[in-house]
N, C-alpha and C. Protein backbone atom coordinates (compact mmCIF):
# COMPACT_ATOMS: atom_id res chain seq x y z
N MET A 1 -86.68 48.04 -69.25
CA MET A 1 -85.80 48.63 -70.22
C MET A 1 -84.54 47.78 -70.28
N ASN A 2 -84.15 47.33 -71.43
CA ASN A 2 -82.91 46.59 -71.60
C ASN A 2 -81.81 47.54 -72.03
N VAL A 3 -80.77 47.61 -71.25
CA VAL A 3 -79.66 48.49 -71.52
C VAL A 3 -78.39 47.67 -71.43
N ALA A 4 -77.57 47.71 -72.47
CA ALA A 4 -76.32 46.96 -72.43
C ALA A 4 -75.39 47.55 -71.39
N ARG A 5 -75.30 48.88 -71.37
CA ARG A 5 -74.45 49.54 -70.39
C ARG A 5 -74.92 50.98 -70.23
N VAL A 6 -75.05 51.39 -69.00
CA VAL A 6 -75.41 52.77 -68.72
C VAL A 6 -74.55 53.25 -67.56
N GLY A 7 -74.15 54.50 -67.64
CA GLY A 7 -73.32 55.03 -66.57
C GLY A 7 -73.60 56.49 -66.32
N VAL A 8 -73.30 56.91 -65.11
CA VAL A 8 -73.43 58.30 -64.70
C VAL A 8 -72.12 58.67 -64.03
N ARG A 9 -71.55 59.80 -64.43
CA ARG A 9 -70.33 60.32 -63.80
C ARG A 9 -70.56 61.79 -63.53
N VAL A 10 -70.41 62.18 -62.26
CA VAL A 10 -70.62 63.57 -61.88
C VAL A 10 -69.49 64.03 -60.97
N SER A 11 -69.24 65.32 -61.00
CA SER A 11 -68.34 65.96 -60.07
C SER A 11 -69.21 66.91 -59.25
N LEU A 12 -69.23 66.69 -57.95
CA LEU A 12 -70.11 67.44 -57.07
C LEU A 12 -69.30 68.10 -55.95
N PRO A 13 -69.84 69.15 -55.36
CA PRO A 13 -69.15 69.78 -54.24
C PRO A 13 -68.96 68.79 -53.09
N ALA A 14 -67.85 68.92 -52.41
CA ALA A 14 -67.60 68.07 -51.24
C ALA A 14 -68.39 68.63 -50.07
N ALA A 15 -69.73 68.51 -50.17
CA ALA A 15 -70.64 69.03 -49.16
C ALA A 15 -71.65 67.95 -48.80
N LEU A 16 -71.82 67.72 -47.51
CA LEU A 16 -72.75 66.69 -47.06
C LEU A 16 -74.17 66.94 -47.55
N SER A 17 -74.50 68.18 -47.86
CA SER A 17 -75.87 68.51 -48.30
C SER A 17 -76.24 67.85 -49.63
N VAL A 18 -75.28 67.39 -50.43
CA VAL A 18 -75.60 66.77 -51.72
C VAL A 18 -75.67 65.24 -51.64
N VAL A 19 -75.29 64.65 -50.53
CA VAL A 19 -75.23 63.19 -50.42
C VAL A 19 -76.62 62.56 -50.52
N GLY A 20 -77.58 63.05 -49.76
CA GLY A 20 -78.91 62.46 -49.75
C GLY A 20 -79.61 62.56 -51.09
N SER A 21 -79.56 63.73 -51.72
CA SER A 21 -80.23 63.89 -53.02
C SER A 21 -79.56 63.05 -54.10
N THR A 22 -78.25 62.89 -54.02
CA THR A 22 -77.55 62.04 -54.99
C THR A 22 -77.97 60.59 -54.81
N ARG A 23 -78.09 60.15 -53.57
CA ARG A 23 -78.54 58.79 -53.29
C ARG A 23 -79.93 58.56 -53.86
N ARG A 24 -80.85 59.49 -53.59
CA ARG A 24 -82.23 59.34 -54.07
C ARG A 24 -82.29 59.31 -55.60
N TYR A 25 -81.53 60.16 -56.25
CA TYR A 25 -81.51 60.19 -57.72
C TYR A 25 -81.05 58.84 -58.27
N LEU A 26 -79.95 58.32 -57.74
CA LEU A 26 -79.41 57.06 -58.25
C LEU A 26 -80.29 55.87 -57.89
N ASP A 27 -80.99 55.94 -56.78
CA ASP A 27 -81.96 54.90 -56.42
C ASP A 27 -83.07 54.86 -57.47
N GLN A 28 -83.61 56.01 -57.82
CA GLN A 28 -84.68 56.08 -58.82
C GLN A 28 -84.18 55.66 -60.20
N LEU A 29 -82.97 56.06 -60.55
CA LEU A 29 -82.40 55.68 -61.84
C LEU A 29 -82.21 54.17 -61.92
N THR A 30 -81.73 53.56 -60.86
CA THR A 30 -81.52 52.11 -60.83
C THR A 30 -82.84 51.37 -61.00
N LEU A 31 -83.88 51.83 -60.34
CA LEU A 31 -85.20 51.22 -60.50
C LEU A 31 -85.71 51.40 -61.93
N ALA A 32 -85.53 52.59 -62.50
CA ALA A 32 -85.99 52.86 -63.86
C ALA A 32 -85.27 51.98 -64.88
N LEU A 33 -84.05 51.60 -64.58
CA LEU A 33 -83.28 50.75 -65.49
C LEU A 33 -83.62 49.27 -65.34
N GLY A 34 -84.50 48.96 -64.39
CA GLY A 34 -84.99 47.59 -64.29
C GLY A 34 -84.48 46.78 -63.12
N ALA A 35 -83.71 47.39 -62.24
CA ALA A 35 -83.25 46.63 -61.07
C ALA A 35 -84.44 46.35 -60.15
N ASP A 36 -84.39 45.21 -59.48
CA ASP A 36 -85.45 44.92 -58.51
C ASP A 36 -85.25 45.81 -57.28
N ALA A 37 -86.27 45.87 -56.43
CA ALA A 37 -86.24 46.77 -55.28
C ALA A 37 -85.09 46.47 -54.32
N ALA A 38 -84.80 45.19 -54.08
CA ALA A 38 -83.70 44.83 -53.17
C ALA A 38 -82.36 45.29 -53.73
N SER A 39 -82.17 45.11 -55.02
CA SER A 39 -80.92 45.55 -55.65
C SER A 39 -80.80 47.07 -55.63
N ALA A 40 -81.90 47.75 -55.93
CA ALA A 40 -81.88 49.22 -55.90
C ALA A 40 -81.55 49.73 -54.51
N SER A 41 -82.05 49.05 -53.49
CA SER A 41 -81.76 49.43 -52.11
C SER A 41 -80.27 49.24 -51.80
N ARG A 42 -79.68 48.15 -52.28
CA ARG A 42 -78.25 47.92 -52.07
C ARG A 42 -77.42 48.98 -52.79
N VAL A 43 -77.85 49.36 -54.00
CA VAL A 43 -77.15 50.41 -54.75
C VAL A 43 -77.22 51.73 -53.97
N ALA A 44 -78.41 52.05 -53.47
CA ALA A 44 -78.57 53.29 -52.71
C ALA A 44 -77.68 53.30 -51.47
N LEU A 45 -77.64 52.19 -50.76
CA LEU A 45 -76.78 52.08 -49.58
C LEU A 45 -75.32 52.30 -49.96
N ALA A 46 -74.86 51.62 -51.00
CA ALA A 46 -73.46 51.73 -51.41
C ALA A 46 -73.12 53.15 -51.84
N VAL A 47 -73.99 53.74 -52.66
CA VAL A 47 -73.74 55.12 -53.11
C VAL A 47 -73.68 56.05 -51.92
N HIS A 48 -74.64 55.91 -51.01
CA HIS A 48 -74.68 56.79 -49.84
C HIS A 48 -73.40 56.67 -49.01
N GLU A 49 -73.04 55.47 -48.65
CA GLU A 49 -71.89 55.26 -47.77
C GLU A 49 -70.57 55.67 -48.45
N LEU A 50 -70.38 55.27 -49.70
CA LEU A 50 -69.12 55.60 -50.39
C LEU A 50 -69.02 57.09 -50.67
N PHE A 51 -70.11 57.70 -51.12
CA PHE A 51 -70.10 59.13 -51.41
C PHE A 51 -69.96 59.94 -50.13
N ASP A 52 -70.68 59.56 -49.09
CA ASP A 52 -70.58 60.24 -47.80
C ASP A 52 -69.14 60.18 -47.27
N ASN A 53 -68.53 59.01 -47.37
CA ASN A 53 -67.15 58.84 -46.93
C ASN A 53 -66.21 59.75 -47.73
N ALA A 54 -66.38 59.78 -49.05
CA ALA A 54 -65.53 60.61 -49.90
C ALA A 54 -65.69 62.10 -49.56
N VAL A 55 -66.93 62.52 -49.33
CA VAL A 55 -67.19 63.92 -48.99
C VAL A 55 -66.58 64.27 -47.64
N ARG A 56 -66.79 63.42 -46.65
CA ARG A 56 -66.30 63.71 -45.30
C ARG A 56 -64.77 63.80 -45.23
N HIS A 57 -64.09 63.05 -46.07
CA HIS A 57 -62.63 63.00 -45.98
C HIS A 57 -61.93 63.75 -47.11
N ALA A 58 -62.70 64.46 -47.93
CA ALA A 58 -62.10 65.20 -49.04
C ALA A 58 -61.30 66.39 -48.52
N SER A 59 -60.11 66.56 -49.07
CA SER A 59 -59.33 67.74 -48.73
C SER A 59 -59.45 68.80 -49.83
N GLY A 60 -60.17 68.47 -50.90
CA GLY A 60 -60.40 69.42 -51.99
C GLY A 60 -61.85 69.85 -52.00
N GLY A 61 -62.22 70.65 -52.98
CA GLY A 61 -63.56 71.22 -53.03
C GLY A 61 -64.60 70.38 -53.73
N SER A 62 -64.19 69.27 -54.37
CA SER A 62 -65.17 68.46 -55.08
C SER A 62 -64.85 66.97 -54.95
N VAL A 63 -65.86 66.17 -55.26
CA VAL A 63 -65.74 64.71 -55.24
C VAL A 63 -66.38 64.20 -56.52
N GLU A 64 -65.73 63.24 -57.15
CA GLU A 64 -66.31 62.61 -58.34
C GLU A 64 -66.99 61.31 -57.92
N LEU A 65 -68.13 61.05 -58.56
CA LEU A 65 -68.88 59.83 -58.32
C LEU A 65 -69.25 59.25 -59.68
N ALA A 66 -68.97 57.97 -59.85
CA ALA A 66 -69.35 57.28 -61.09
C ALA A 66 -70.10 56.01 -60.72
N VAL A 67 -71.19 55.76 -61.43
CA VAL A 67 -71.97 54.54 -61.24
C VAL A 67 -72.22 53.96 -62.63
N GLU A 68 -71.93 52.67 -62.78
CA GLU A 68 -72.12 52.01 -64.07
C GLU A 68 -72.85 50.69 -63.85
N LEU A 69 -73.84 50.46 -64.69
CA LEU A 69 -74.62 49.23 -64.67
C LEU A 69 -74.49 48.60 -66.05
N GLU A 70 -74.06 47.35 -66.07
CA GLU A 70 -73.86 46.65 -67.34
C GLU A 70 -74.60 45.33 -67.32
N ASP A 71 -75.48 45.14 -68.32
CA ASP A 71 -76.25 43.90 -68.43
C ASP A 71 -75.34 42.69 -68.50
N GLY A 72 -75.73 41.67 -67.78
CA GLY A 72 -75.03 40.40 -67.84
C GLY A 72 -75.96 39.39 -68.49
N SER A 73 -76.07 38.24 -67.87
CA SER A 73 -76.96 37.22 -68.41
C SER A 73 -77.92 36.77 -67.31
N ALA A 74 -78.97 36.12 -67.72
CA ALA A 74 -79.95 35.52 -66.79
C ALA A 74 -80.51 36.54 -65.80
N GLY A 75 -80.79 37.76 -66.27
CA GLY A 75 -81.41 38.76 -65.41
C GLY A 75 -80.49 39.40 -64.40
N LEU A 76 -79.19 39.27 -64.59
CA LEU A 76 -78.22 39.87 -63.68
C LEU A 76 -77.44 40.98 -64.40
N ALA A 77 -76.95 41.92 -63.63
CA ALA A 77 -76.13 43.00 -64.18
C ALA A 77 -74.97 43.27 -63.24
N SER A 78 -73.90 43.75 -63.81
CA SER A 78 -72.72 44.12 -63.04
C SER A 78 -72.84 45.60 -62.67
N LEU A 79 -72.61 45.90 -61.40
CA LEU A 79 -72.69 47.27 -60.92
C LEU A 79 -71.32 47.69 -60.39
N THR A 80 -70.88 48.87 -60.81
CA THR A 80 -69.64 49.45 -60.31
C THR A 80 -69.95 50.85 -59.78
N VAL A 81 -69.51 51.13 -58.57
CA VAL A 81 -69.62 52.46 -57.98
C VAL A 81 -68.20 52.91 -57.66
N GLN A 82 -67.85 54.12 -58.08
CA GLN A 82 -66.49 54.61 -57.84
C GLN A 82 -66.54 56.05 -57.36
N THR A 83 -65.72 56.34 -56.35
CA THR A 83 -65.55 57.72 -55.88
C THR A 83 -64.10 58.12 -56.08
N LEU A 84 -63.89 59.41 -56.29
CA LEU A 84 -62.54 59.96 -56.43
C LEU A 84 -62.51 61.29 -55.71
N ASN A 85 -61.54 61.43 -54.81
CA ASN A 85 -61.40 62.68 -54.09
C ASN A 85 -59.94 62.88 -53.69
N GLN A 86 -59.65 64.07 -53.23
CA GLN A 86 -58.32 64.40 -52.73
C GLN A 86 -58.32 64.17 -51.22
N VAL A 87 -57.30 63.45 -50.73
CA VAL A 87 -57.20 63.15 -49.30
C VAL A 87 -55.75 63.24 -48.85
N SER A 88 -55.56 63.20 -47.55
CA SER A 88 -54.21 63.17 -47.00
C SER A 88 -53.62 61.77 -47.17
N GLU A 89 -52.34 61.68 -47.11
CA GLU A 89 -51.66 60.38 -47.19
C GLU A 89 -52.10 59.48 -46.04
N GLN A 90 -52.30 60.07 -44.86
CA GLN A 90 -52.76 59.30 -43.70
C GLN A 90 -54.13 58.67 -43.98
N ASP A 91 -55.05 59.43 -44.60
CA ASP A 91 -56.36 58.89 -44.93
C ASP A 91 -56.24 57.73 -45.93
N CYS A 92 -55.35 57.88 -46.92
CA CYS A 92 -55.13 56.80 -47.89
C CYS A 92 -54.70 55.52 -47.18
N LEU A 93 -53.75 55.64 -46.29
CA LEU A 93 -53.24 54.47 -45.57
C LEU A 93 -54.32 53.84 -44.70
N GLU A 94 -55.12 54.66 -44.04
CA GLU A 94 -56.17 54.16 -43.16
C GLU A 94 -57.25 53.43 -43.96
N ILE A 95 -57.65 53.99 -45.08
CA ILE A 95 -58.68 53.34 -45.90
C ILE A 95 -58.16 52.04 -46.48
N ARG A 96 -56.92 52.03 -46.91
CA ARG A 96 -56.33 50.79 -47.43
C ARG A 96 -56.31 49.73 -46.33
N ARG A 97 -55.96 50.11 -45.09
CA ARG A 97 -55.94 49.16 -43.98
C ARG A 97 -57.33 48.59 -43.72
N ILE A 98 -58.33 49.45 -43.72
CA ILE A 98 -59.71 49.01 -43.48
C ILE A 98 -60.14 48.03 -44.56
N LEU A 99 -59.87 48.37 -45.82
CA LEU A 99 -60.30 47.50 -46.92
C LEU A 99 -59.54 46.18 -46.91
N ASP A 100 -58.26 46.21 -46.54
CA ASP A 100 -57.51 44.96 -46.42
C ASP A 100 -58.12 44.07 -45.34
N ASP A 101 -58.50 44.68 -44.22
CA ASP A 101 -59.11 43.92 -43.12
C ASP A 101 -60.42 43.27 -43.55
N VAL A 102 -61.31 44.06 -44.14
CA VAL A 102 -62.63 43.53 -44.49
C VAL A 102 -62.55 42.57 -45.67
N SER A 103 -61.66 42.79 -46.61
CA SER A 103 -61.57 41.87 -47.76
C SER A 103 -60.95 40.54 -47.35
N GLY A 104 -60.19 40.54 -46.27
CA GLY A 104 -59.60 39.31 -45.78
C GLY A 104 -60.54 38.51 -44.87
N ALA A 105 -61.68 39.10 -44.55
CA ALA A 105 -62.63 38.44 -43.65
C ALA A 105 -63.43 37.39 -44.43
N SER A 106 -63.53 36.20 -43.87
CA SER A 106 -64.32 35.16 -44.53
C SER A 106 -65.82 35.45 -44.43
N ASP A 107 -66.21 36.24 -43.43
CA ASP A 107 -67.61 36.58 -43.21
C ASP A 107 -67.70 38.10 -43.02
N PRO A 108 -67.91 38.88 -44.11
CA PRO A 108 -67.95 40.34 -43.99
C PRO A 108 -69.02 40.84 -43.01
N THR A 109 -70.16 40.14 -42.92
CA THR A 109 -71.21 40.57 -42.00
C THR A 109 -70.77 40.37 -40.55
N GLY A 110 -70.18 39.23 -40.25
CA GLY A 110 -69.67 38.99 -38.90
C GLY A 110 -68.56 39.96 -38.55
N HIS A 111 -67.69 40.25 -39.50
CA HIS A 111 -66.61 41.22 -39.30
C HIS A 111 -67.20 42.59 -38.98
N PHE A 112 -68.20 42.99 -39.74
CA PHE A 112 -68.87 44.27 -39.53
C PHE A 112 -69.49 44.32 -38.13
N ASP A 113 -70.19 43.27 -37.74
CA ASP A 113 -70.81 43.23 -36.41
C ASP A 113 -69.78 43.36 -35.29
N ARG A 114 -68.65 42.66 -35.43
CA ARG A 114 -67.59 42.75 -34.41
C ARG A 114 -67.00 44.16 -34.35
N GLU A 115 -66.81 44.78 -35.52
CA GLU A 115 -66.23 46.12 -35.57
C GLU A 115 -67.17 47.18 -35.01
N ILE A 116 -68.48 46.96 -35.15
CA ILE A 116 -69.44 47.90 -34.55
C ILE A 116 -69.20 47.97 -33.04
N ARG A 117 -69.09 46.79 -32.42
CA ARG A 117 -68.86 46.76 -30.97
C ARG A 117 -67.49 47.33 -30.61
N ALA A 118 -66.48 47.05 -31.41
CA ALA A 118 -65.12 47.50 -31.11
C ALA A 118 -64.91 48.99 -31.40
N SER A 119 -65.80 49.61 -32.16
CA SER A 119 -65.57 50.99 -32.59
C SER A 119 -65.99 52.04 -31.57
N VAL A 120 -66.63 51.62 -30.50
CA VAL A 120 -67.09 52.57 -29.49
C VAL A 120 -65.90 53.39 -29.00
N GLY A 121 -66.05 54.72 -29.10
CA GLY A 121 -65.01 55.63 -28.62
C GLY A 121 -63.96 55.98 -29.66
N ARG A 122 -63.95 55.31 -30.78
CA ARG A 122 -62.98 55.65 -31.84
C ARG A 122 -63.45 56.87 -32.60
N ARG A 123 -62.51 57.74 -32.96
CA ARG A 123 -62.85 58.93 -33.74
C ARG A 123 -63.29 58.54 -35.14
N ARG A 124 -62.56 57.63 -35.76
CA ARG A 124 -62.89 57.16 -37.10
C ARG A 124 -62.90 55.64 -37.07
N SER A 125 -63.98 55.07 -37.59
CA SER A 125 -64.14 53.63 -37.42
C SER A 125 -64.03 52.83 -38.71
N GLY A 126 -64.34 53.43 -39.86
CA GLY A 126 -64.37 52.67 -41.11
C GLY A 126 -65.63 51.86 -41.27
N LEU A 127 -66.62 52.07 -40.38
CA LEU A 127 -67.83 51.26 -40.43
C LEU A 127 -68.61 51.44 -41.72
N GLY A 128 -68.58 52.62 -42.32
CA GLY A 128 -69.31 52.83 -43.57
C GLY A 128 -68.78 51.93 -44.67
N LEU A 129 -67.47 51.83 -44.78
CA LEU A 129 -66.87 50.94 -45.80
C LEU A 129 -67.20 49.48 -45.50
N MET A 130 -67.12 49.11 -44.23
CA MET A 130 -67.45 47.73 -43.86
C MET A 130 -68.92 47.42 -44.12
N ARG A 131 -69.77 48.41 -43.89
CA ARG A 131 -71.20 48.23 -44.14
C ARG A 131 -71.48 47.96 -45.62
N VAL A 132 -70.77 48.66 -46.49
CA VAL A 132 -70.94 48.45 -47.93
C VAL A 132 -70.60 47.00 -48.29
N CYS A 133 -69.51 46.50 -47.72
CA CYS A 133 -69.12 45.10 -47.99
C CYS A 133 -70.15 44.13 -47.44
N ALA A 134 -70.59 44.37 -46.21
CA ALA A 134 -71.49 43.43 -45.54
C ALA A 134 -72.92 43.50 -46.05
N GLU A 135 -73.48 44.69 -46.13
CA GLU A 135 -74.91 44.82 -46.43
C GLU A 135 -75.20 45.03 -47.91
N ALA A 136 -74.28 45.62 -48.65
CA ALA A 136 -74.50 45.81 -50.09
C ALA A 136 -73.82 44.71 -50.89
N ASN A 137 -73.15 43.80 -50.18
CA ASN A 137 -72.48 42.66 -50.82
C ASN A 137 -71.51 43.11 -51.92
N MET A 138 -70.73 44.14 -51.61
CA MET A 138 -69.79 44.69 -52.59
C MET A 138 -68.37 44.31 -52.24
N LYS A 139 -67.59 44.11 -53.27
CA LYS A 139 -66.14 43.96 -53.14
C LYS A 139 -65.56 45.34 -53.35
N LEU A 140 -64.80 45.83 -52.38
CA LEU A 140 -64.21 47.16 -52.46
C LEU A 140 -62.71 47.09 -52.68
N SER A 141 -62.23 48.06 -53.43
CA SER A 141 -60.78 48.23 -53.61
C SER A 141 -60.49 49.72 -53.62
N CYS A 142 -59.23 50.06 -53.42
CA CYS A 142 -58.87 51.48 -53.47
C CYS A 142 -57.52 51.65 -54.14
N HIS A 143 -57.32 52.84 -54.63
CA HIS A 143 -56.06 53.20 -55.27
C HIS A 143 -55.72 54.61 -54.82
N CYS A 144 -54.52 54.78 -54.27
CA CYS A 144 -54.05 56.09 -53.83
C CYS A 144 -52.85 56.50 -54.68
N GLU A 145 -52.88 57.73 -55.13
CA GLU A 145 -51.74 58.24 -55.87
C GLU A 145 -51.71 59.76 -55.78
N LYS A 146 -50.61 60.29 -55.25
CA LYS A 146 -50.39 61.74 -55.17
C LYS A 146 -51.57 62.49 -54.58
N GLY A 147 -52.10 61.99 -53.47
CA GLY A 147 -53.19 62.67 -52.78
C GLY A 147 -54.57 62.40 -53.34
N SER A 148 -54.67 61.61 -54.41
CA SER A 148 -55.97 61.24 -54.96
C SER A 148 -56.33 59.84 -54.49
N LEU A 149 -57.54 59.69 -54.02
CA LEU A 149 -58.03 58.38 -53.57
C LEU A 149 -59.22 57.98 -54.42
N SER A 150 -59.11 56.81 -55.00
CA SER A 150 -60.22 56.22 -55.74
C SER A 150 -60.67 54.97 -54.99
N VAL A 151 -61.95 54.91 -54.65
CA VAL A 151 -62.53 53.72 -54.02
C VAL A 151 -63.55 53.16 -55.01
N THR A 152 -63.40 51.87 -55.31
CA THR A 152 -64.28 51.22 -56.28
C THR A 152 -64.98 50.03 -55.63
N GLY A 153 -66.29 49.97 -55.81
CA GLY A 153 -67.09 48.86 -55.33
C GLY A 153 -67.73 48.14 -56.50
N LYS A 154 -67.74 46.81 -56.45
CA LYS A 154 -68.34 46.00 -57.52
C LYS A 154 -69.24 44.95 -56.91
N THR A 155 -70.38 44.73 -57.57
CA THR A 155 -71.31 43.71 -57.15
C THR A 155 -72.19 43.33 -58.34
N THR A 156 -73.05 42.37 -58.11
CA THR A 156 -74.02 41.95 -59.11
C THR A 156 -75.40 42.30 -58.59
N VAL A 157 -76.25 42.82 -59.47
CA VAL A 157 -77.62 43.16 -59.09
C VAL A 157 -78.59 42.39 -59.98
N THR A 158 -79.79 42.20 -59.46
CA THR A 158 -80.84 41.50 -60.18
C THR A 158 -81.69 42.50 -60.95
N LEU A 159 -81.89 42.21 -62.23
CA LEU A 159 -82.78 43.02 -63.06
C LEU A 159 -84.13 42.33 -63.05
N GLY A 160 -84.99 42.79 -62.14
CA GLY A 160 -86.23 42.07 -61.90
C GLY A 160 -87.44 42.59 -62.62
N ARG A 161 -87.29 43.72 -63.32
CA ARG A 161 -88.47 44.24 -63.99
C ARG A 161 -88.08 44.79 -65.35
N THR A 162 -89.02 44.90 -66.21
CA THR A 162 -88.79 45.48 -67.52
C THR A 162 -89.81 46.58 -67.76
N SER A 163 -89.43 47.57 -68.55
CA SER A 163 -90.35 48.68 -68.84
C SER A 163 -90.76 48.66 -70.29
């Protein structure tokens, strides 16, 4: 299926029980839109980790999730995953610190591996965000304003099949 741009935006309860089914739905949607299996797996990983993080740290009753896939050229597409939730100012600062650390790393996978070992005993590690950068090959950014946190991930996926 050739699609110039397709997107999904939902507001869901901040409940861990919806994370897995949301991941599975978006995995199937990504495959149906023509992404290859490896790309669909990366999308599923990113959605799971970002959405799970937003749900776990939400101070409000709901979390917004948006996923957009836009056709590029030569069988590639641009993927954006965004979460929006209400959080404490402390959570905003911590997430910004984590993203600054991982975005400054020349090797996100090596950085992730080192942080796995260093995170033993920490209450909150930021490993989910680092995993998205390392394993889903996403560039992450965040924006905090008045208790709202938006985390945005961007990457390129391969459109390996047509319907």
